[in-house]
């Protein structure tokens, strides 16, 4: 039986890893859970290819199991997400950042008319196919669903800073918000990858 594989994505800006410690900790927690020996990863400037050192924004993608399988770098281009389709799956489990995304891809295939999906589990809002979400109400307050599938590093950072708050958000609540921001290790709220609630279909 093949061992499970996982992925980690770290932002690199002008040849510097951005906020690597939470990613190192997640790799450690994941490998402690699944394998006999934990994996202590390190990310240093000399790991970044010379041709990526001067790029403004680079995505570093690590695939690992009990050891590092691969590390790839590519210039990052922000996605354009104008609408989201609600898809429901009540048993989906993505508490760990699995390399195998077959189920998520199957859910995306059910909503080809939309730019991405917003996954509903037991009537509660969770995440898109690639990001956590942050809802903005009409007073400018920012909330992230308690029922997130994956507690992302950016989400954790914003919660710790007090920028966002956790809240139970149900599918029926979506229209009571102005809309939602998509966030992950590569995408900040300031990047304004925002979908109006009217465009969640």
Protein backbone atom coordinates (compact mmCIF):
# COMPACT_ATOMS: atom_id res chain seq x y z
CA UNK A 1 0.00 0.00 0.00
CA UNK A 2 1.38 3.37 -1.01
CA UNK A 3 1.86 5.92 1.73
CA UNK A 4 -0.39 8.99 1.62
CA UNK A 5 1.01 12.17 0.07
CA UNK A 6 0.38 15.76 1.04
CA UNK A 7 1.04 19.20 -0.40
CA UNK A 8 2.19 22.47 1.07
CA UNK A 9 2.25 25.81 -0.74
CA UNK A 10 4.43 28.70 0.40
CA UNK A 11 4.52 32.21 -1.01
CA UNK A 12 7.90 33.53 -2.17
CA UNK A 13 8.33 37.27 -2.71
CA UNK A 14 11.52 38.61 -4.27
CA UNK A 15 13.50 35.52 -3.28
CA UNK A 16 12.20 35.32 0.31
CA UNK A 17 9.84 32.71 1.79
CA UNK A 18 6.85 34.49 3.34
CA UNK A 19 5.71 33.29 6.78
CA UNK A 20 7.23 29.79 6.43
CA UNK A 21 6.90 28.73 10.08
CA UNK A 22 3.18 27.76 10.00
CA UNK A 23 3.89 25.62 6.93
CA UNK A 24 6.81 23.93 8.68
CA UNK A 25 4.56 23.26 11.68
CA UNK A 26 1.80 21.81 9.49
CA UNK A 27 4.23 19.45 7.78
CA UNK A 28 5.43 18.38 11.22
CA UNK A 29 1.90 17.83 12.55
CA UNK A 30 0.85 15.92 9.45
CA UNK A 31 3.84 13.59 9.45
CA UNK A 32 3.57 13.02 13.20
CA UNK A 33 -0.01 11.88 12.60
CA UNK A 34 0.60 9.59 9.63
CA UNK A 35 4.16 8.30 9.93
CA UNK A 36 6.54 6.84 12.47
CA UNK A 37 8.97 9.74 12.23
CA UNK A 38 8.04 13.43 11.96
CA UNK A 39 9.47 15.44 9.07
CA UNK A 40 11.38 18.56 10.04
CA UNK A 41 11.34 20.76 6.94
CA UNK A 42 13.46 23.87 6.44
CA UNK A 43 13.09 26.59 3.82
CA UNK A 44 16.11 28.73 3.09
CA UNK A 45 16.86 31.29 0.41
CA UNK A 46 19.42 29.07 -1.31
CA UNK A 47 16.63 26.57 -2.12
CA UNK A 48 14.98 29.06 -4.48
CA UNK A 49 16.17 28.74 -8.10
CA UNK A 50 18.26 31.63 -9.39
CA UNK A 51 15.72 32.44 -12.10
CA UNK A 52 13.01 32.85 -9.44
CA UNK A 53 15.01 35.00 -7.03
CA UNK A 54 13.91 38.31 -8.55
CA UNK A 55 10.28 37.40 -9.27
CA UNK A 56 7.75 39.52 -7.42
CA UNK A 57 5.49 36.58 -6.61
CA UNK A 58 6.35 32.88 -6.78
CA UNK A 59 4.44 29.78 -5.70
CA UNK A 60 6.54 27.10 -4.01
CA UNK A 61 4.72 23.75 -4.04
CA UNK A 62 6.01 20.91 -1.88
CA UNK A 63 4.81 17.32 -2.22
CA UNK A 64 5.72 15.11 0.72
CA UNK A 65 4.99 11.88 2.52
CA UNK A 66 7.35 10.48 5.11
CA UNK A 67 9.97 12.54 3.22
CA UNK A 68 10.01 15.35 0.66
CA UNK A 69 8.98 14.03 -2.77
CA UNK A 70 9.30 17.20 -4.84
CA UNK A 71 9.64 20.98 -4.60
CA UNK A 72 8.53 23.08 -7.55
CA UNK A 73 8.55 26.82 -8.16
CA UNK A 74 6.51 28.85 -10.62
CA UNK A 75 5.53 32.51 -11.05
CA UNK A 76 2.11 33.00 -9.52
CA UNK A 77 -0.77 34.51 -11.45
CA UNK A 78 -3.85 35.51 -9.48
CA UNK A 79 -7.00 33.70 -10.55
CA UNK A 80 -10.11 35.53 -11.73
CA UNK A 81 -13.12 34.30 -9.77
CA UNK A 82 -16.35 36.15 -10.53
CA UNK A 83 -18.86 33.56 -9.32
CA UNK A 84 -19.13 30.45 -7.17
CA UNK A 85 -21.48 27.49 -7.37
CA UNK A 86 -22.75 25.88 -4.17
CA UNK A 87 -22.08 22.14 -4.04
CA UNK A 88 -23.01 19.93 -1.13
CA UNK A 89 -21.10 16.98 0.28
CA UNK A 90 -21.80 15.95 3.87
CA UNK A 91 -18.92 13.52 4.45
CA UNK A 92 -15.99 15.31 2.79
CA UNK A 93 -12.86 15.31 4.95
CA UNK A 94 -9.90 17.57 4.17
CA UNK A 95 -8.52 18.17 7.64
CA UNK A 96 -5.08 17.43 6.18
CA UNK A 97 -3.83 18.96 2.93
CA UNK A 98 -3.95 15.78 0.88
CA UNK A 99 -2.24 15.52 -2.49
CA UNK A 100 -5.18 13.44 -3.69
CA UNK A 101 -7.90 15.92 -4.65
CA UNK A 102 -10.12 13.53 -6.62
CA UNK A 103 -13.23 14.25 -4.58
CA UNK A 104 -12.78 18.02 -4.82
CA UNK A 105 -12.25 17.71 -8.56
CA UNK A 106 -15.44 15.64 -8.82
CA UNK A 107 -17.34 18.37 -6.99
CA UNK A 108 -15.92 21.00 -9.33
CA UNK A 109 -17.04 18.95 -12.31
CA UNK A 110 -20.61 19.25 -11.04
CA UNK A 111 -20.46 23.03 -11.45
CA UNK A 112 -18.69 23.68 -14.73
CA UNK A 113 -20.73 26.81 -15.34
CA UNK A 114 -19.05 28.58 -12.42
CA UNK A 115 -15.48 29.82 -11.92
CA UNK A 116 -15.18 27.74 -8.75
CA UNK A 117 -17.25 26.04 -6.07
CA UNK A 118 -18.23 26.81 -2.49
CA UNK A 119 -18.54 23.53 -0.59
CA UNK A 120 -21.47 23.06 1.79
CA UNK A 121 -21.23 20.38 4.49
CA UNK A 122 -24.25 19.64 6.68
CA UNK A 123 -25.80 22.94 5.56
CA UNK A 124 -22.74 24.93 6.66
CA UNK A 125 -20.33 26.87 4.46
CA UNK A 126 -16.79 25.51 4.36
CA UNK A 127 -14.24 26.44 1.65
CA UNK A 128 -13.81 26.82 -2.10
CA UNK A 129 -11.84 24.19 -4.00
CA UNK A 130 -8.57 26.00 -3.28
CA UNK A 131 -9.11 28.57 -0.54
CA UNK A 132 -10.64 29.48 2.76
CA UNK A 133 -13.28 32.18 2.67
CA UNK A 134 -13.94 35.37 4.62
CA UNK A 135 -17.40 36.93 4.54
CA UNK A 136 -17.88 40.70 4.79
CA UNK A 137 -21.13 41.99 6.26
CA UNK A 138 -22.68 45.32 5.38
CA UNK A 139 -20.92 47.00 8.32
CA UNK A 140 -17.49 45.87 7.09
CA UNK A 141 -17.03 43.13 9.69
CA UNK A 142 -15.14 40.05 8.52
CA UNK A 143 -16.08 36.48 9.43
CA UNK A 144 -14.70 33.08 8.46
CA UNK A 145 -16.78 29.90 8.79
CA UNK A 146 -16.10 27.75 11.86
CA UNK A 147 -16.83 24.72 9.69
CA UNK A 148 -13.82 25.17 7.42
CA UNK A 149 -12.52 21.96 5.85
CA UNK A 150 -8.86 22.98 6.13
CA UNK A 151 -7.63 25.45 8.73
CA UNK A 152 -5.33 27.34 6.39
CA UNK A 153 -2.22 29.24 7.43
CA UNK A 154 -3.49 32.62 6.19
CA UNK A 155 -6.81 32.08 7.97
CA UNK A 156 -4.99 31.20 11.19
CA UNK A 157 -2.80 34.29 10.88
CA UNK A 158 -5.77 36.62 10.35
CA UNK A 159 -7.64 35.09 13.29
CA UNK A 160 -4.60 35.57 15.53
CA UNK A 161 -4.29 39.19 14.42
CA UNK A 162 -7.98 39.81 15.13
CA UNK A 163 -8.66 40.86 11.54
CA UNK A 164 -11.33 38.18 11.14
CA UNK A 165 -13.59 36.26 13.52
CA UNK A 166 -14.94 32.71 13.41
CA UNK A 167 -18.67 32.28 13.02
CA UNK A 168 -21.13 29.55 12.08
CA UNK A 169 -22.26 30.44 8.58
CA UNK A 170 -24.96 28.42 6.84
CA UNK A 171 -25.77 28.31 3.16
CA UNK A 172 -28.97 30.23 3.87
CA UNK A 173 -26.94 33.03 5.49
CA UNK A 174 -24.91 33.89 2.39
CA UNK A 175 -27.30 36.51 1.02
CA UNK A 176 -27.15 38.41 4.32
CA UNK A 177 -23.52 39.25 3.57
CA UNK A 178 -22.11 41.67 1.03
CA UNK A 179 -19.87 38.91 -0.31
CA UNK A 180 -16.77 36.90 0.43
CA UNK A 181 -13.02 37.09 0.01
CA UNK A 182 -11.00 34.07 -1.05
CA UNK A 183 -7.78 33.66 0.95
CA UNK A 184 -4.92 31.18 1.10
CA UNK A 185 -1.14 31.22 1.49
CA UNK A 186 -0.84 33.03 -1.85
CA UNK A 187 -3.86 35.33 -1.55
CA UNK A 188 -4.42 38.06 1.05
CA UNK A 189 -7.63 39.96 1.73
CA UNK A 190 -5.82 43.00 0.30
CA UNK A 191 -5.64 41.22 -3.06
CA UNK A 192 -9.44 41.63 -3.17
CA UNK A 193 -10.30 38.31 -4.75
CA UNK A 194 -13.93 39.03 -3.86
CA UNK A 195 -17.21 37.46 -4.95
CA UNK A 196 -20.47 39.33 -4.43
CA UNK A 197 -23.06 37.26 -2.60
CA UNK A 198 -25.41 37.67 -5.59
CA UNK A 199 -22.86 35.72 -7.63
CA UNK A 200 -22.94 32.66 -5.38
CA UNK A 201 -25.31 30.42 -7.31
